[in-house]
Structure formats: C-alpha cells, structure tokens
Amino acid sequence: MQYTARAFWLRAPGQGEIRTVPLPGPGVGDVMVRTLYSGISRGTETLVFRGEVPESQRTAMRAPFQEGDFPAPVKYGYLNVGVVEQGPPALLGRTVFSLYPHQTRYVVPAGAVTVVPDTVPPARAVLAGTVETAVNALWDAAPLPGDRITVVGAGMVGCCVAAVLARYPAVGVQLIDTNPARAEIARALGVGFAPPEEARPGRDLVFHTSATEAGLARSLELLAPEGEVLELSWYGDRRVSLPLGESFHSRRLTVRSSQVGAVSPARRSRRTFADRLALALELLADPAFDVLLTERCAFEELPRVMPRLAEKSHPALCQLIEYPSADEV
C-alpha cells in the first residue's frame, strides 16, 4: 500500500513550504507514527531557516532524519511527538518522541522512538530534546550543592537548564535576560531573575545561552575567581569577540563548550543517548515546563509562522505545532 504525508520543507533561505511526500509502508522492525505535535527549537532551527549554517558545519549539523542539504532545499527539525499506528505490538497506540522533522506521518526504525511516560502530556513532551541538551550540559558542568549559579539567556535552552538546576540541593540559581517579561517565566520555574545590569556577581558557574557577544562578556564578568562559563550558544556563521584581557588570566577563569551531539565525557562510558533522552522525559513530568510552550499554531500555518519566528526580536520560547486528527491526515 502506498501512503503519503505532508512535510514542511525549507525551499530557499527564508522561504518554507508544505509538500506532499511519499511514505513507504513500515518494514519489519519499523513503526509508522502519526504526529500529534512538533516543536521549533528557535536557536538552531531559525539559523537553518535563515541559511546561516556555516559550510564547515553542514555535516555536523545534520539532523537524524534530515532530507536535503544546507542551505536548501532541506527538511529539518528534531522535536516530534506522535502516536504509533503500525509496528511492533508493544508500541502500537503508544505516544512516542522522535528526532523527526515537521511531518504529518513518518516511518522510522522502532529503535528511533522513545515512549513518552504516562505522566508527561504529549504537548509537553516536545521539549524532550531541549531538556536533553540541559541534562548533557549539567553532566558537563557537574554543579555541586551550595553552588551559586547563573544562567544568562532565558530562551528555550536557558530556561530548561534553569528548571533542572532548580531541583539541585542548596543551589542558588539566577536567570538573566534583557526581556523583563521573562521574570514571570523564572518564577514559574522556581528560580530568581534579574536583568544583566542587576545580576549577582561572584558566581561559581555560569551557563551562557543567549547567543550574543554581550551575554558572553557579561557571563565572564559574573564569575568568582576560578569560576567557569559553560557555553551552550551556537552562533552559526557569526564571529564573536571574547574579552580575554584585563583580569581574565589573573582570575583564572574558564570558558568551556557543551554540545548535545555527543554524550558528556563525564557519563559517556556509562550512559547512552537513549538513557539521556529517557531521563529528559522523566524530568518533564514536572508541569512547570508548560510555561515554555508560549505559542501554538496549526501545521499548515508553518510557512507563514517560520519567517516571523526567525526575527531575532520575536519573544516566543517554544513554538508548538499542532497536527490534524487521524481522520484529517
């Protein structure tokens, strides 16, 4: 039997479209998933949408089920939650998370989906990939009880890092952003908030997620002697200046990168990608994460919504995409 699906493609930088695409029937060991929700990770996906993936990083930045090549045409995305319609009996009817782009139905190996716990609503589960990034960053940074920690940048990644840190014992967490409206988000996540000029100094650890040069410079200023900045921002093809003069060396500061494409070396010998994703989904049982789902739209609206999201001044955190019901697909 021949199936079809509807998929969002980047036709050219800044221009998206919905395409009807052929869908193979599932083979042995495959699942067919009908998408319920997908999410847009604004940092990476809007860089892709604007055509700003550096040529040197086009292989490294490929999504697991990407089709096409950067800059375009390309089908890209990795926050997808759906229900298994065909596949092994143990998965039939289960809600699953997959690193699949924005598409109404898809077929993947059964091992490429992770069952969403019953304690996690399907819409909230689209955050699993971003919470997984936060988990990996915390494995990299290894914060200790009593640490004074700041997260600079209250976007999706920064908020997820702050939300997970809020569970640590005796840790003082402050979330920093230039947008004062993010103070309400911080309260819902259970952490403090301040604009950059009012941020507390003397921090043991700073997670930087703002993807701005000013945010990175401020992160260094906030550190206590021998403190560390963990850099989670991805700047695409932009060059960033880093203030390594003045007291950088005398205070023995550190800037270290963290990236979700590999399991943190601190856990690599004992944890798999599947373990990390399962932990992220377990953490999403906390309803506080719902505050990050700031906007919703229908799947067919994506070609109009993506250009708006790609504007750097747009305030959305996670854009939730809602898909048609089974009878409409």
C-alpha atoms as a PDB file:
ATOM      1  CA  MET A   1       0.000   0.000   0.000  1.00  0.00           C
ATOM      2  CA  GLN A   2       1.300   3.454  -0.902  1.00  0.00           C
ATOM      3  CA  TYR A   3       0.995   6.149   1.761  1.00  0.00           C
ATOM      4  CA  THR A   4       1.613   9.880   1.587  1.00  0.00           C
ATOM      5  CA  ALA A   5       2.312  12.545   4.202  1.00  0.00           C
ATOM      6  CA  ARG A   6       2.610  16.318   4.384  1.00  0.00           C
ATOM      7  CA  ALA A   7       6.027  17.743   5.302  1.00  0.00           C
ATOM      8  CA  PHE A   8       7.492  21.204   5.931  1.00  0.00           C
ATOM      9  CA  TRP A   9      10.486  21.971   3.700  1.00  0.00           C
ATOM     10  CA  LEU A  10      12.792  24.959   3.517  1.00  0.00           C
ATOM     11  CA  ARG A  11      12.616  25.749  -0.203  1.00  0.00           C
ATOM     12  CA  ALA A  12      15.226  28.527  -0.001  1.00  0.00           C
ATOM     13  CA  PRO A  13      16.652  30.551   2.907  1.00  0.00           C
ATOM     14  CA  GLY A  14      13.735  32.420   4.434  1.00  0.00           C
ATOM     15  CA  GLN A  15      11.099  30.541   2.401  1.00  0.00           C
ATOM     16  CA  GLY A  16       9.246  27.445   3.612  1.00  0.00           C
ATOM     17  CA  GLU A  17       6.519  25.335   2.038  1.00  0.00           C
ATOM     18  CA  ILE A  18       4.322  22.313   2.753  1.00  0.00           C
ATOM     19  CA  ARG A  19       4.954  19.380   0.399  1.00  0.00           C
ATOM     20  CA  THR A  20       3.096  16.130  -0.151  1.00  0.00           C
ATOM     21  CA  VAL A  21       5.685  13.357   0.112  1.00  0.00           C
ATOM     22  CA  PRO A  22       5.548   9.580  -0.484  1.00  0.00           C
ATOM     23  CA  LEU A  23       5.657   7.427   2.613  1.00  0.00           C
ATOM     24  CA  PRO A  24       6.843   3.816   2.492  1.00  0.00           C
ATOM     25  CA  GLY A  25       4.949   1.145   4.386  1.00  0.00           C
ATOM     26  CA  PRO A  26       6.751   0.066   7.557  1.00  0.00           C
ATOM     27  CA  GLY A  27       9.037  -2.931   7.255  1.00  0.00           C
ATOM     28  CA  VAL A  28       9.925  -5.464   9.898  1.00  0.00           C
ATOM     29  CA  GLY A  29      11.165  -3.590  12.947  1.00  0.00           C
ATOM     30  CA  ASP A  30       9.743  -0.233  11.765  1.00  0.00           C
ATOM     31  CA  VAL A  31       6.969   1.952  13.151  1.00  0.00           C
ATOM     32  CA  MET A  32       4.577   4.308  11.416  1.00  0.00           C
ATOM     33  CA  VAL A  33       3.908   7.338  13.580  1.00  0.00           C
ATOM     34  CA  ARG A  34       1.134   9.897  13.199  1.00  0.00           C
ATOM     35  CA  THR A  35       2.409  13.217  14.515  1.00  0.00           C
ATOM     36  CA  LEU A  36       0.442  14.909  17.286  1.00  0.00           C
ATOM     37  CA  TYR A  37       2.802  17.817  17.973  1.00  0.00           C
ATOM     38  CA  SER A  38       6.190  19.077  16.928  1.00  0.00           C
ATOM     39  CA  GLY A  39       8.199  21.911  18.387  1.00  0.00           C
ATOM     40  CA  ILE A  40      10.523  24.516  16.916  1.00  0.00           C
ATOM     41  CA  SER A  41      13.855  24.951  18.637  1.00  0.00           C
ATOM     42  CA  ARG A  42      14.251  28.631  17.802  1.00  0.00           C
ATOM     43  CA  GLY A  43      18.005  28.907  18.178  1.00  0.00           C
ATOM     44  CA  THR A  44      19.098  26.232  15.730  1.00  0.00           C
ATOM     45  CA  GLU A  45      16.032  25.997  13.514  1.00  0.00           C
ATOM     46  CA  THR A  46      15.832  29.711  12.793  1.00  0.00           C
ATOM     47  CA  LEU A  47      19.548  29.744  11.909  1.00  0.00           C
ATOM     48  CA  VAL A  48      18.789  26.940   9.452  1.00  0.00           C
ATOM     49  CA  PHE A  49      15.750  28.841   8.155  1.00  0.00           C
ATOM     50  CA  ARG A  50      17.843  31.949   7.514  1.00  0.00           C
ATOM     51  CA  GLY A  51      20.511  29.884   5.712  1.00  0.00           C
ATOM     52  CA  GLU A  52      23.210  30.628   8.309  1.00  0.00           C
ATOM     53  CA  VAL A  53      24.703  27.151   8.810  1.00  0.00           C
ATOM     54  CA  PRO A  54      28.449  27.543   8.111  1.00  0.00           C
ATOM     55  CA  GLU A  55      29.710  25.391   5.271  1.00  0.00           C
ATOM     56  CA  SER A  56      32.270  23.838   7.623  1.00  0.00           C
ATOM     57  CA  GLN A  57      29.467  22.635   9.953  1.00  0.00           C
ATOM     58  CA  ARG A  58      26.936  21.343   7.438  1.00  0.00           C
ATOM     59  CA  THR A  59      27.788  17.707   8.075  1.00  0.00           C
ATOM     60  CA  ALA A  60      27.961  18.072  11.865  1.00  0.00           C
ATOM     61  CA  MET A  61      24.631  19.922  11.966  1.00  0.00           C
ATOM     62  CA  ARG A  62      22.604  17.329  10.059  1.00  0.00           C
ATOM     63  CA  ALA A  63      19.523  16.217  11.985  1.00  0.00           C
ATOM     64  CA  PRO A  64      18.984  12.434  12.341  1.00  0.00           C
ATOM     65  CA  PHE A  65      16.173  12.266   9.750  1.00  0.00           C
ATOM     66  CA  GLN A  66      17.038  15.327   7.703  1.00  0.00           C
ATOM     67  CA  GLU A  67      16.436  15.220   3.963  1.00  0.00           C
ATOM     68  CA  GLY A  68      18.173  17.547   1.533  1.00  0.00           C
ATOM     69  CA  ASP A  69      21.250  19.629   2.251  1.00  0.00           C
ATOM     70  CA  PHE A  70      22.072  23.028   3.703  1.00  0.00           C
ATOM     71  CA  PRO A  71      21.360  25.746   2.903  1.00  0.00           C
ATOM     72  CA  ALA A  72      18.296  24.485   0.935  1.00  0.00           C
ATOM     73  CA  PRO A  73      16.148  22.737  -0.053  1.00  0.00           C
ATOM     74  CA  VAL A  74      16.118  20.860   3.235  1.00  0.00           C
ATOM     75  CA  LYS A  75      13.646  19.175   5.594  1.00  0.00           C
ATOM     76  CA  TYR A  76      14.869  19.894   9.126  1.00  0.00           C
ATOM     77  CA  GLY A  77      13.643  19.526  12.703  1.00  0.00           C
ATOM     78  CA  TYR A  78      14.011  17.235  15.701  1.00  0.00           C
ATOM     79  CA  LEU A  79      11.216  17.741  18.259  1.00  0.00           C
ATOM     80  CA  ASN A  80       8.373  15.397  17.305  1.00  0.00           C
ATOM     81  CA  VAL A  81       5.700  13.621  19.370  1.00  0.00           C
ATOM     82  CA  GLY A  82       3.207  11.222  17.840  1.00  0.00           C
ATOM     83  CA  VAL A  83       1.253   8.024  18.240  1.00  0.00           C
ATOM     84  CA  VAL A  84       2.356   4.670  16.779  1.00  0.00           C
ATOM     85  CA  GLU A  85      -0.194   3.459  14.216  1.00  0.00           C
ATOM     86  CA  GLN A  86       1.735   0.461  12.851  1.00  0.00           C
ATOM     87  CA  GLY A  87       4.652  -1.501  14.259  1.00  0.00           C
ATOM     88  CA  PRO A  88       5.559  -3.972  16.994  1.00  0.00           C
ATOM     89  CA  PRO A  89       2.614  -4.817  19.309  1.00  0.00           C
ATOM     90  CA  ALA A  90       4.401  -3.363  22.347  1.00  0.00           C
ATOM     91  CA  LEU A  91       4.414   0.065  20.688  1.00  0.00           C
ATOM     92  CA  LEU A  92       1.012   0.140  18.987  1.00  0.00           C
ATOM     93  CA  GLY A  93      -1.040   3.062  20.264  1.00  0.00           C
ATOM     94  CA  ARG A  94       1.811   4.397  22.410  1.00  0.00           C
ATOM     95  CA  THR A  95       2.772   8.063  22.426  1.00  0.00           C
ATOM     96  CA  VAL A  96       6.414   8.431  21.384  1.00  0.00           C
ATOM     97  CA  PHE A  97       9.084  11.081  20.978  1.00  0.00           C
ATOM     98  CA  SER A  98      11.383  11.090  17.958  1.00  0.00           C
ATOM     99  CA  LEU A  99      14.047  13.344  16.477  1.00  0.00           C
ATOM    100  CA  TYR A 100      11.983  13.741  13.305  1.00  0.00           C
ATOM    101  CA  PRO A 101      11.233  16.916  11.297  1.00  0.00           C
ATOM    102  CA  HIS A 102       7.811  18.553  10.905  1.00  0.00           C
ATOM    103  CA  GLN A 103       5.697  15.976   9.053  1.00  0.00           C
ATOM    104  CA  THR A 104       2.177  14.590   9.492  1.00  0.00           C
ATOM    105  CA  ARG A 105       3.230  10.909   9.410  1.00  0.00           C
ATOM    106  CA  TYR A 106       6.581   9.143   9.173  1.00  0.00           C
ATOM    107  CA  VAL A 107       8.196   5.712   9.183  1.00  0.00           C
ATOM    108  CA  VAL A 108      11.363   5.059  11.210  1.00  0.00           C
ATOM    109  CA  PRO A 109      13.047   2.089  12.895  1.00  0.00           C
ATOM    110  CA  ALA A 110      11.350   1.228  16.183  1.00  0.00           C
ATOM    111  CA  GLY A 111      14.608   1.978  17.979  1.00  0.00           C
ATOM    112  CA  ALA A 112      14.377   5.609  16.845  1.00  0.00           C
ATOM    113  CA  VAL A 113      11.343   6.352  19.026  1.00  0.00           C
ATOM    114  CA  THR A 114      11.143   6.687  22.806  1.00  0.00           C
ATOM    115  CA  VAL A 115       7.908   6.005  24.659  1.00  0.00           C
ATOM    116  CA  VAL A 116       6.604   9.083  26.457  1.00  0.00           C
ATOM    117  CA  PRO A 117       5.761   8.311  30.114  1.00  0.00           C
ATOM    118  CA  ASP A 118       2.077   8.453  31.033  1.00  0.00           C
ATOM    119  CA  THR A 119       2.959  11.250  33.468  1.00  0.00           C
ATOM    120  CA  VAL A 120       4.014  13.556  30.588  1.00  0.00           C
ATOM    121  CA  PRO A 121       1.339  15.157  28.348  1.00  0.00           C
ATOM    122  CA  PRO A 122       2.144  14.805  24.610  1.00  0.00           C
ATOM    123  CA  ALA A 123       2.395  18.569  24.046  1.00  0.00           C
ATOM    124  CA  ARG A 124       4.938  18.997  26.858  1.00  0.00           C
ATOM    125  CA  ALA A 125       6.952  16.055  25.547  1.00  0.00           C
ATOM    126  CA  VAL A 126       8.143  18.086  22.532  1.00  0.00           C
ATOM    127  CA  LEU A 127      10.559  19.743  24.980  1.00  0.00           C
ATOM    128  CA  ALA A 128      12.410  16.435  25.452  1.00  0.00           C
ATOM    129  CA  GLY A 129      15.180  17.329  23.015  1.00  0.00           C
ATOM    130  CA  THR A 130      15.831  20.659  24.743  1.00  0.00           C
ATOM    131  CA  VAL A 131      15.725  19.179  28.235  1.00  0.00           C
ATOM    132  CA  GLU A 132      18.155  16.547  26.965  1.00  0.00           C
ATOM    133  CA  THR A 133      20.516  19.390  25.999  1.00  0.00           C
ATOM    134  CA  ALA A 134      20.178  20.752  29.546  1.00  0.00           C
ATOM    135  CA  VAL A 135      20.900  17.342  31.083  1.00  0.00           C
ATOM    136  CA  ASN A 136      24.043  16.991  28.975  1.00  0.00           C
ATOM    137  CA  ALA A 137      25.181  20.483  29.970  1.00  0.00           C
ATOM    138  CA  LEU A 138      24.748  19.671  33.656  1.00  0.00           C
ATOM    139  CA  TRP A 139      26.707  16.456  33.189  1.00  0.00           C
ATOM    140  CA  ASP A 140      29.458  18.585  31.626  1.00  0.00           C
ATOM    141  CA  ALA A 141      29.407  21.232  34.361  1.00  0.00           C
ATOM    142  CA  ALA A 142      28.865  18.931  37.376  1.00  0.00           C
ATOM    143  CA  PRO A 143      27.448  21.592  39.749  1.00  0.00           C
ATOM    144  CA  LEU A 144      27.828  20.945  43.457  1.00  0.00           C
ATOM    145  CA  PRO A 145      25.407  21.505  46.356  1.00  0.00           C
ATOM    146  CA  GLY A 146      25.629  25.089  47.535  1.00  0.00           C
ATOM    147  CA  ASP A 147      26.963  26.454  44.231  1.00  0.00           C
ATOM    148  CA  ARG A 148      25.994  29.959  43.146  1.00  0.00           C
ATOM    149  CA  ILE A 149      24.898  29.547  39.531  1.00  0.00           C
ATOM    150  CA  THR A 150      23.669  31.937  36.858  1.00  0.00           C
ATOM    151  CA  VAL A 151      22.038  31.172  33.519  1.00  0.00           C
ATOM    152  CA  VAL A 152      22.486  34.010  31.021  1.00  0.00           C
ATOM    153  CA  GLY A 153      19.786  33.907  28.348  1.00  0.00           C
ATOM    154  CA  ALA A 154      16.172  32.905  29.050  1.00  0.00           C
ATOM    155  CA  GLY A 155      15.455  31.153  25.767  1.00  0.00           C
ATOM    156  CA  MET A 156      14.383  27.530  25.474  1.00  0.00           C
ATOM    157  CA  VAL A 157      17.763  26.069  26.399  1.00  0.00           C
ATOM    158  CA  GLY A 158      18.476  28.546  29.186  1.00  0.00           C
ATOM    159  CA  CYS A 159      15.052  28.031  30.742  1.00  0.00           C
ATOM    160  CA  CYS A 160      15.416  24.253  30.613  1.00  0.00           C
ATOM    161  CA  VAL A 161      18.849  24.456  32.245  1.00  0.00           C
ATOM    162  CA  ALA A 162      17.414  26.702  34.968  1.00  0.00           C
ATOM    163  CA  ALA A 163      14.429  24.394  35.507  1.00  0.00           C
ATOM    164  CA  VAL A 164      16.644  21.348  36.037  1.00  0.00           C
ATOM    165  CA  LEU A 165      19.039  23.296  38.273  1.00  0.00           C
ATOM    166  CA  ALA A 166      16.096  24.347  40.445  1.00  0.00           C
ATOM    167  CA  ARG A 167      15.946  20.711  41.632  1.00  0.00           C
ATOM    168  CA  TYR A 168      19.545  20.721  42.919  1.00  0.00           C
ATOM    169  CA  PRO A 169      20.021  20.900  46.703  1.00  0.00           C
ATOM    170  CA  ALA A 170      21.002  24.257  48.205  1.00  0.00           C
ATOM    171  CA  VAL A 171      21.893  25.742  44.797  1.00  0.00           C
ATOM    172  CA  GLY A 172      21.179  29.431  44.239  1.00  0.00           C
ATOM    173  CA  VAL A 173      20.065  29.924  40.628  1.00  0.00           C
ATOM    174  CA  GLN A 174      19.532  33.245  38.888  1.00  0.00           C
ATOM    175  CA  LEU A 175      18.195  33.531  35.333  1.00  0.00           C
ATOM    176  CA  ILE A 176      19.351  36.605  33.386  1.00  0.00           C
ATOM    177  CA  ASP A 177      17.688  38.145  30.331  1.00  0.00           C
ATOM    178  CA  THR A 178      17.237  41.554  28.728  1.00  0.00           C
ATOM    179  CA  ASN A 179      13.495  40.910  28.380  1.00  0.00           C
ATOM    180  CA  PRO A 180      11.801  41.771  31.709  1.00  0.00           C
ATOM    181  CA  ALA A 181       8.790  39.627  30.751  1.00  0.00           C
ATOM    182  CA  ARG A 182      10.974  36.562  31.349  1.00  0.00           C
ATOM    183  CA  ALA A 183      10.794  37.258  35.106  1.00  0.00           C
ATOM    184  CA  GLU A 184       7.387  35.542  35.142  1.00  0.00           C
ATOM    185  CA  ILE A 185       8.888  32.501  33.396  1.00  0.00           C
ATOM    186  CA  ALA A 186      11.664  32.357  36.002  1.00  0.00           C
ATOM    187  CA  ARG A 187       9.139  32.464  38.859  1.00  0.00           C
ATOM    188  CA  ALA A 188       7.190  29.596  37.327  1.00  0.00           C
ATOM    189  CA  LEU A 189      10.399  27.558  37.051  1.00  0.00           C
ATOM    190  CA  GLY A 190      11.323  28.279  40.664  1.00  0.00           C
ATOM    191  CA  VAL A 191      14.464  30.383  40.102  1.00  0.00           C
ATOM    192  CA  GLY A 192      15.451  34.017  40.571  1.00  0.00           C
ATOM    193  CA  PHE A 193      15.556  36.592  37.789  1.00  0.00           C
ATOM    194  CA  ALA A 194      17.428  39.808  37.009  1.00  0.00           C
ATOM    195  CA  PRO A 195      18.304  41.972  34.006  1.00  0.00           C
ATOM    196  CA  PRO A 196      22.013  41.826  33.048  1.00  0.00           C
ATOM    197  CA  GLU A 197      22.961  45.023  34.891  1.00  0.00           C
ATOM    198  CA  GLU A 198      21.480  43.737  38.161  1.00  0.00           C
ATOM    199  CA  ALA A 199      22.873  40.182  38.023  1.00  0.00           C
ATOM    200  CA  ARG A 200      24.606  38.894  41.140  1.00  0.00           C
ATOM    201  CA  PRO A 201      28.409  38.663  40.874  1.00  0.00           C
ATOM    202  CA  GLY A 202      30.733  36.082  42.396  1.00  0.00           C
ATOM    203  CA  ARG A 203      29.189  33.057  40.684  1.00  0.00           C
ATOM    204  CA  ASP A 204      30.815  29.643  40.749  1.00  0.00           C
ATOM    205  CA  LEU A 205      29.311  28.650  37.421  1.00  0.00           C
ATOM    206  CA  VAL A 206      27.573  30.474  34.579  1.00  0.00           C
ATOM    207  CA  PHE A 207      25.688  28.762  31.773  1.00  0.00           C
ATOM    208  CA  HIS A 208      25.632  31.040  28.721  1.00  0.00           C
ATOM    209  CA  THR A 209      22.739  30.504  26.276  1.00  0.00           C
ATOM    210  CA  SER A 210      21.908  33.962  24.879  1.00  0.00           C
ATOM    211  CA  ALA A 211      23.883  33.568  21.627  1.00  0.00           C
ATOM    212  CA  THR A 212      25.049  37.178  21.956  1.00  0.00           C
ATOM    213  CA  GLU A 213      28.511  38.651  22.341  1.00  0.00           C
ATOM    214  CA  ALA A 214      27.279  40.922  25.136  1.00  0.00           C
ATOM    215  CA  GLY A 215      25.813  37.952  27.009  1.00  0.00           C
ATOM    216  CA  LEU A 216      29.080  36.034  26.844  1.00  0.00           C
ATOM    217  CA  ALA A 217      31.070  39.038  28.073  1.00  0.00           C
ATOM    218  CA  ARG A 218      28.634  39.551  30.952  1.00  0.00           C
ATOM    219  CA  SER A 219      28.905  35.845  31.838  1.00  0.00           C
ATOM    220  CA  LEU A 220      32.654  36.233  32.359  1.00  0.00           C
ATOM    221  CA  GLU A 221      32.137  39.351  34.475  1.00  0.00           C
ATOM    222  CA  LEU A 222      29.792  37.484  36.822  1.00  0.00           C
ATOM    223  CA  LEU A 223      32.267  34.736  37.722  1.00  0.00           C
ATOM    224  CA  ALA A 224      34.081  34.395  41.001  1.00  0.00           C
ATOM    225  CA  PRO A 225      37.845  33.724  40.752  1.00  0.00           C
ATOM    226  CA  GLU A 226      38.453  30.310  39.118  1.00  0.00           C
ATOM    227  CA  GLY A 227      34.817  30.170  38.007  1.00  0.00           C
ATOM    228  CA  GLU A 228      33.650  28.653  34.733  1.00  0.00           C
ATOM    229  CA  VAL A 229      31.378  29.669  31.869  1.00  0.00           C
ATOM    230  CA  LEU A 230      29.739  26.759  30.108  1.00  0.00           C
ATOM    231  CA  GLU A 231      28.933  27.955  26.587  1.00  0.00           C
ATOM    232  CA  LEU A 232      25.788  26.420  25.054  1.00  0.00           C
ATOM    233  CA  SER A 233      25.088  29.092  22.431  1.00  0.00           C
ATOM    234  CA  TRP A 234      25.584  28.314  18.780  1.00  0.00           C
ATOM    235  CA  TYR A 235      26.415  31.342  16.655  1.00  0.00           C
ATOM    236  CA  GLY A 236      26.158  29.823  13.183  1.00  0.00           C
ATOM    237  CA  ASP A 237      28.476  31.713  10.842  1.00  0.00           C
ATOM    238  CA  ARG A 238      28.896  34.748  13.119  1.00  0.00           C
ATOM    239  CA  ARG A 239      32.284  35.609  14.665  1.00  0.00           C
ATOM    240  CA  VAL A 240      32.223  36.537  18.347  1.00  0.00           C
ATOM    241  CA  SER A 241      34.770  38.611  20.286  1.00  0.00           C
ATOM    242  CA  LEU A 242      35.705  37.339  23.731  1.00  0.00           C
ATOM    243  CA  PRO A 243      37.260  39.679  26.367  1.00  0.00           C
ATOM    244  CA  LEU A 244      40.319  37.682  27.405  1.00  0.00           C
ATOM    245  CA  GLY A 245      42.333  40.663  28.606  1.00  0.00           C
ATOM    246  CA  GLU A 246      42.122  42.605  31.882  1.00  0.00           C
ATOM    247  CA  SER A 247      41.542  40.143  34.751  1.00  0.00           C
ATOM    248  CA  PHE A 248      40.678  37.031  32.730  1.00  0.00           C
ATOM    249  CA  HIS A 249      44.020  35.335  33.409  1.00  0.00           C
ATOM    250  CA  SER A 250      44.670  36.680  36.905  1.00  0.00           C
ATOM    251  CA  ARG A 251      41.239  35.392  37.997  1.00  0.00           C
ATOM    252  CA  ARG A 252      41.938  32.044  36.275  1.00  0.00           C
ATOM    253  CA  LEU A 253      38.581  31.925  34.517  1.00  0.00           C
ATOM    254  CA  THR A 254      37.450  29.138  32.187  1.00  0.00           C
ATOM    255  CA  VAL A 255      35.183  29.080  29.118  1.00  0.00           C
ATOM    256  CA  ARG A 256      34.127  25.610  28.021  1.00  0.00           C
ATOM    257  CA  SER A 257      31.776  24.421  25.304  1.00  0.00           C
ATOM    258  CA  SER A 258      28.897  21.977  25.701  1.00  0.00           C
ATOM    259  CA  GLN A 259      27.021  20.385  22.814  1.00  0.00           C
ATOM    260  CA  VAL A 260      24.316  17.728  22.795  1.00  0.00           C
ATOM    261  CA  GLY A 261      25.643  15.893  19.718  1.00  0.00           C
ATOM    262  CA  ALA A 262      27.759  13.663  21.981  1.00  0.00           C
ATOM    263  CA  VAL A 263      27.095  12.348  25.471  1.00  0.00           C
ATOM    264  CA  SER A 264      29.137  14.291  28.026  1.00  0.00           C
ATOM    265  CA  PRO A 265      32.559  12.700  28.666  1.00  0.00           C
ATOM    266  CA  ALA A 266      31.614  12.635  32.352  1.00  0.00           C
ATOM    267  CA  ARG A 267      28.961   9.981  31.589  1.00  0.00           C
ATOM    268  CA  ARG A 268      29.906   8.625  28.162  1.00  0.00           C
ATOM    269  CA  SER A 269      31.203   5.282  29.450  1.00  0.00           C
ATOM    270  CA  ARG A 270      28.052   4.634  31.495  1.00  0.00           C
ATOM    271  CA  ARG A 271      25.141   6.360  29.710  1.00  0.00           C
ATOM    272  CA  THR A 272      23.792   6.090  26.177  1.00  0.00           C
ATOM    273  CA  PHE A 273      21.841   8.579  24.081  1.00  0.00           C
ATOM    274  CA  ALA A 274      18.726   6.552  24.947  1.00  0.00           C
ATOM    275  CA  ASP A 275      19.476   6.837  28.679  1.00  0.00           C
ATOM    276  CA  ARG A 276      19.870  10.593  28.380  1.00  0.00           C
ATOM    277  CA  LEU A 277      16.616  11.052  26.460  1.00  0.00           C
ATOM    278  CA  ALA A 278      14.709   8.811  28.868  1.00  0.00           C
ATOM    279  CA  LEU A 279      15.953  10.969  31.764  1.00  0.00           C
ATOM    280  CA  ALA A 280      14.820  14.130  29.962  1.00  0.00           C
ATOM    281  CA  LEU A 281      11.328  12.695  29.510  1.00  0.00           C
ATOM    282  CA  GLU A 282      11.229  11.681  33.168  1.00  0.00           C
ATOM    283  CA  LEU A 283      12.051  15.254  34.197  1.00  0.00           C
ATOM    284  CA  LEU A 284       9.203  16.551  32.013  1.00  0.00           C
ATOM    285  CA  ALA A 285       6.657  15.101  34.435  1.00  0.00           C
ATOM    286  CA  ASP A 286       7.011  18.476  36.179  1.00  0.00           C
ATOM    287  CA  PRO A 287       4.159  20.749  34.964  1.00  0.00           C
ATOM    288  CA  ALA A 288       6.390  23.806  35.468  1.00  0.00           C
ATOM    289  CA  PHE A 289       7.786  23.143  31.978  1.00  0.00           C
ATOM    290  CA  ASP A 290       4.419  24.071  30.433  1.00  0.00           C
ATOM    291  CA  VAL A 291       5.363  27.731  30.819  1.00  0.00           C
ATOM    292  CA  LEU A 292       7.846  27.284  27.951  1.00  0.00           C
ATOM    293  CA  LEU A 293       5.111  26.399  25.446  1.00  0.00           C
ATOM    294  CA  THR A 294       4.397  30.019  24.664  1.00  0.00           C
ATOM    295  CA  GLU A 295       2.754  29.854  21.238  1.00  0.00           C
ATOM    296  CA  ARG A 296       0.753  27.367  19.160  1.00  0.00           C
ATOM    297  CA  CYS A 297      -0.112  27.129  15.503  1.00  0.00           C
ATOM    298  CA  ALA A 298      -1.529  24.578  13.071  1.00  0.00           C
ATOM    299  CA  PHE A 299       0.897  22.592  10.926  1.00  0.00           C
ATOM    300  CA  GLU A 300      -0.420  24.176   7.697  1.00  0.00           C
ATOM    301  CA  GLU A 301       0.473  27.620   9.057  1.00  0.00           C
ATOM    302  CA  LEU A 302       4.213  26.857   9.294  1.00  0.00           C
ATOM    303  CA  PRO A 303       5.226  28.605   6.029  1.00  0.00           C
ATOM    304  CA  ARG A 304       3.778  31.844   7.453  1.00  0.00           C
ATOM    305  CA  VAL A 305       4.927  31.320  11.047  1.00  0.00           C
ATOM    306  CA  MET A 306       8.601  30.450  10.454  1.00  0.00           C
ATOM    307  CA  PRO A 307       9.632  33.842   8.958  1.00  0.00           C
ATOM    308  CA  ARG A 308       8.137  35.567  11.999  1.00  0.00           C
ATOM    309  CA  LEU A 309       9.967  33.243  14.405  1.00  0.00           C
ATOM    310  CA  ALA A 310      13.229  33.838  12.538  1.00  0.00           C
ATOM    311  CA  GLU A 311      13.121  37.510  13.546  1.00  0.00           C
ATOM    312  CA  LYS A 312      15.577  37.755  16.428  1.00  0.00           C
ATOM    313  CA  SER A 313      13.331  40.154  18.335  1.00  0.00           C
ATOM    314  CA  HIS A 314      10.402  37.714  18.435  1.00  0.00           C
ATOM    315  CA  PRO A 315       9.630  36.783  22.079  1.00  0.00           C
ATOM    316  CA  ALA A 316       8.418  33.171  21.631  1.00  0.00           C
ATOM    317  CA  LEU A 317      10.158  30.370  23.522  1.00  0.00           C
ATOM    318  CA  CYS A 318       8.884  27.047  22.140  1.00  0.00           C
ATOM    319  CA  GLN A 319       6.508  27.280  19.189  1.00  0.00           C
ATOM    320  CA  LEU A 320       4.194  24.283  19.414  1.00  0.00           C
ATOM    321  CA  ILE A 321       2.886  22.877  16.123  1.00  0.00           C
ATOM    322  CA  GLU A 322      -0.491  21.110  16.264  1.00  0.00           C
ATOM    323  CA  TYR A 323      -1.305  18.424  13.689  1.00  0.00           C
ATOM    324  CA  PRO A 324      -4.601  17.236  12.191  1.00  0.00           C
ATOM    325  CA  SER A 325      -6.518  14.369  13.790  1.00  0.00           C
ATOM    326  CA  ALA A 326      -6.312  10.844  12.380  1.00  0.00           C
ATOM    327  CA  ASP A 327      -9.410  11.400  10.225  1.00  0.00           C
ATOM    328  CA  GLU A 328      -7.949  14.557   8.666  1.00  0.00           C
ATOM    329  CA  VAL A 329      -4.415  13.383   7.862  1.00  0.00           C
END
